[in-house]
Amino acid sequence: MHTVGAFEAKAKIAELLDKVAAGETVLITRRGEAAALMVPPARILQDKARALQEIKRFRKSCKTGKVDIEALINEDRP
C-alpha cells in the first residue's frame, strides 16, 4: 500500500489514479492521520461479492422451522 499526505496527493492525483488503476491501494493522510483510502473498484466488487456469498451460506445454515409470529408477540406481552 502506498501512503501519501493530502498536500502531495492533491499535486499528484493523476499519478495516484494510475497506481490505483494498476491495482494498488493508496492511503491518503492528513496531519499523519488516515483520511482516505483509494482502492481499485474491482477489489471492492470482489469483496462485496464474497460478503454476499458468506451471507447466503450463513442464511442457509440457519434452521428456524415454522415460526408463529403472533405467539412470539404474545409471549412478550405482560
C-alpha atoms as a PDB file:
ATOM      1  CA  MET A   1       0.000   0.000   0.000  1.00  0.00           C
ATOM      2  CA  HIS A   2       1.271   3.430  -0.938  1.00  0.00           C
ATOM      3  CA  THR A   3       0.829   6.204   1.669  1.00  0.00           C
ATOM      4  CA  VAL A   4       0.845   9.887   0.769  1.00  0.00           C
ATOM      5  CA  GLY A   5      -0.040  13.136   2.526  1.00  0.00           C
ATOM      6  CA  ALA A   6      -3.058  15.166   1.416  1.00  0.00           C
ATOM      7  CA  PHE A   7      -0.976  18.046   0.044  1.00  0.00           C
ATOM      8  CA  GLU A   8       1.142  15.676  -2.060  1.00  0.00           C
ATOM      9  CA  ALA A   9      -1.956  13.734  -3.149  1.00  0.00           C
ATOM     10  CA  LYS A  10      -3.512  16.933  -4.464  1.00  0.00           C
ATOM     11  CA  ALA A  11      -0.394  17.654  -6.512  1.00  0.00           C
ATOM     12  CA  LYS A  12      -0.061  14.071  -7.802  1.00  0.00           C
ATOM     13  CA  ILE A  13      -3.673  12.967  -8.212  1.00  0.00           C
ATOM     14  CA  ALA A  14      -3.172  11.733 -11.797  1.00  0.00           C
ATOM     15  CA  GLU A  15      -0.198   9.594 -10.735  1.00  0.00           C
ATOM     16  CA  LEU A  16      -2.152   8.187  -7.789  1.00  0.00           C
ATOM     17  CA  LEU A  17      -5.115   7.361 -10.014  1.00  0.00           C
ATOM     18  CA  ASP A  18      -2.754   5.477 -12.332  1.00  0.00           C
ATOM     19  CA  LYS A  19      -1.437   3.464  -9.371  1.00  0.00           C
ATOM     20  CA  VAL A  20      -4.964   2.601  -8.251  1.00  0.00           C
ATOM     21  CA  ALA A  21      -5.980   1.689 -11.805  1.00  0.00           C
ATOM     22  CA  ALA A  22      -2.989  -0.679 -11.856  1.00  0.00           C
ATOM     23  CA  GLY A  23      -4.345  -2.435  -8.742  1.00  0.00           C
ATOM     24  CA  GLU A  24      -2.507  -0.661  -5.936  1.00  0.00           C
ATOM     25  CA  THR A  25      -4.199   0.760  -2.840  1.00  0.00           C
ATOM     26  CA  VAL A  26      -3.311   4.317  -1.797  1.00  0.00           C
ATOM     27  CA  LEU A  27      -3.788   5.696   1.720  1.00  0.00           C
ATOM     28  CA  ILE A  28      -4.070   9.482   1.969  1.00  0.00           C
ATOM     29  CA  THR A  29      -3.217  11.030   5.319  1.00  0.00           C
ATOM     30  CA  ARG A  30      -3.890  14.435   6.816  1.00  0.00           C
ATOM     31  CA  ARG A  31      -1.596  15.509   9.656  1.00  0.00           C
ATOM     32  CA  GLY A  32      -0.449  11.908   9.999  1.00  0.00           C
ATOM     33  CA  GLU A  33      -3.971  10.505  10.382  1.00  0.00           C
ATOM     34  CA  ALA A  34      -5.661   8.333   7.746  1.00  0.00           C
ATOM     35  CA  ALA A  35      -8.123  10.494   5.804  1.00  0.00           C
ATOM     36  CA  ALA A  36      -8.979   8.483   2.680  1.00  0.00           C
ATOM     37  CA  LEU A  37      -8.308   5.167   1.036  1.00  0.00           C
ATOM     38  CA  MET A  38      -8.171   4.816  -2.740  1.00  0.00           C
ATOM     39  CA  VAL A  39      -8.981   1.225  -3.712  1.00  0.00           C
ATOM     40  CA  PRO A  40      -9.387  -0.292  -7.181  1.00  0.00           C
ATOM     41  CA  PRO A  41     -13.108  -0.739  -7.962  1.00  0.00           C
ATOM     42  CA  ALA A  42     -12.586  -4.388  -8.924  1.00  0.00           C
ATOM     43  CA  ARG A  43     -11.348  -5.159  -5.408  1.00  0.00           C
ATOM     44  CA  ILE A  44     -14.408  -3.563  -3.825  1.00  0.00           C
ATOM     45  CA  LEU A  45     -16.716  -5.513  -6.135  1.00  0.00           C
ATOM     46  CA  GLN A  46     -14.885  -8.763  -5.323  1.00  0.00           C
ATOM     47  CA  ASP A  47     -15.127  -8.061  -1.591  1.00  0.00           C
ATOM     48  CA  LYS A  48     -18.829  -7.270  -1.944  1.00  0.00           C
ATOM     49  CA  ALA A  49     -19.483 -10.484  -3.896  1.00  0.00           C
ATOM     50  CA  ARG A  50     -17.537 -12.514  -1.319  1.00  0.00           C
ATOM     51  CA  ALA A  51     -19.514 -10.956   1.543  1.00  0.00           C
ATOM     52  CA  LEU A  52     -22.817 -11.707  -0.187  1.00  0.00           C
ATOM     53  CA  GLN A  53     -21.780 -15.346  -0.669  1.00  0.00           C
ATOM     54  CA  GLU A  54     -20.922 -15.610   3.028  1.00  0.00           C
ATOM     55  CA  ILE A  55     -24.291 -14.135   3.988  1.00  0.00           C
ATOM     56  CA  LYS A  56     -26.107 -16.583   1.707  1.00  0.00           C
ATOM     57  CA  ARG A  57     -24.175 -19.517   3.204  1.00  0.00           C
ATOM     58  CA  PHE A  58     -24.985 -18.325   6.712  1.00  0.00           C
ATOM     59  CA  ARG A  59     -28.683 -17.918   5.936  1.00  0.00           C
ATOM     60  CA  LYS A  60     -28.846 -21.459   4.553  1.00  0.00           C
ATOM     61  CA  SER A  61     -27.195 -22.804   7.691  1.00  0.00           C
ATOM     62  CA  CYS A  62     -29.806 -21.212   9.977  1.00  0.00           C
ATOM     63  CA  LYS A  63     -32.752 -23.520  10.536  1.00  0.00           C
ATOM     64  CA  THR A  64     -35.685 -21.795  12.188  1.00  0.00           C
ATOM     65  CA  GLY A  65     -38.511 -24.163  11.370  1.00  0.00           C
ATOM     66  CA  LYS A  66     -42.017 -22.817  11.470  1.00  0.00           C
ATOM     67  CA  VAL A  67     -42.402 -19.618  13.439  1.00  0.00           C
ATOM     68  CA  ASP A  68     -45.723 -18.358  14.788  1.00  0.00           C
ATOM     69  CA  ILE A  69     -45.282 -14.586  14.841  1.00  0.00           C
ATOM     70  CA  GLU A  70     -48.457 -13.977  16.853  1.00  0.00           C
ATOM     71  CA  ALA A  71     -47.310 -16.431  19.530  1.00  0.00           C
ATOM     72  CA  LEU A  72     -43.930 -14.721  19.753  1.00  0.00           C
ATOM     73  CA  ILE A  73     -45.580 -11.314  20.113  1.00  0.00           C
ATOM     74  CA  ASN A  74     -47.985 -12.617  22.767  1.00  0.00           C
ATOM     75  CA  GLU A  75     -45.111 -14.187  24.748  1.00  0.00           C
ATOM     76  CA  ASP A  76     -43.602 -10.760  25.229  1.00  0.00           C
ATOM     77  CA  ARG A  77     -46.832  -9.139  26.445  1.00  0.00           C
ATOM     78  CA  PRO A  78     -47.499  -8.756  30.185  1.00  0.00           C
END
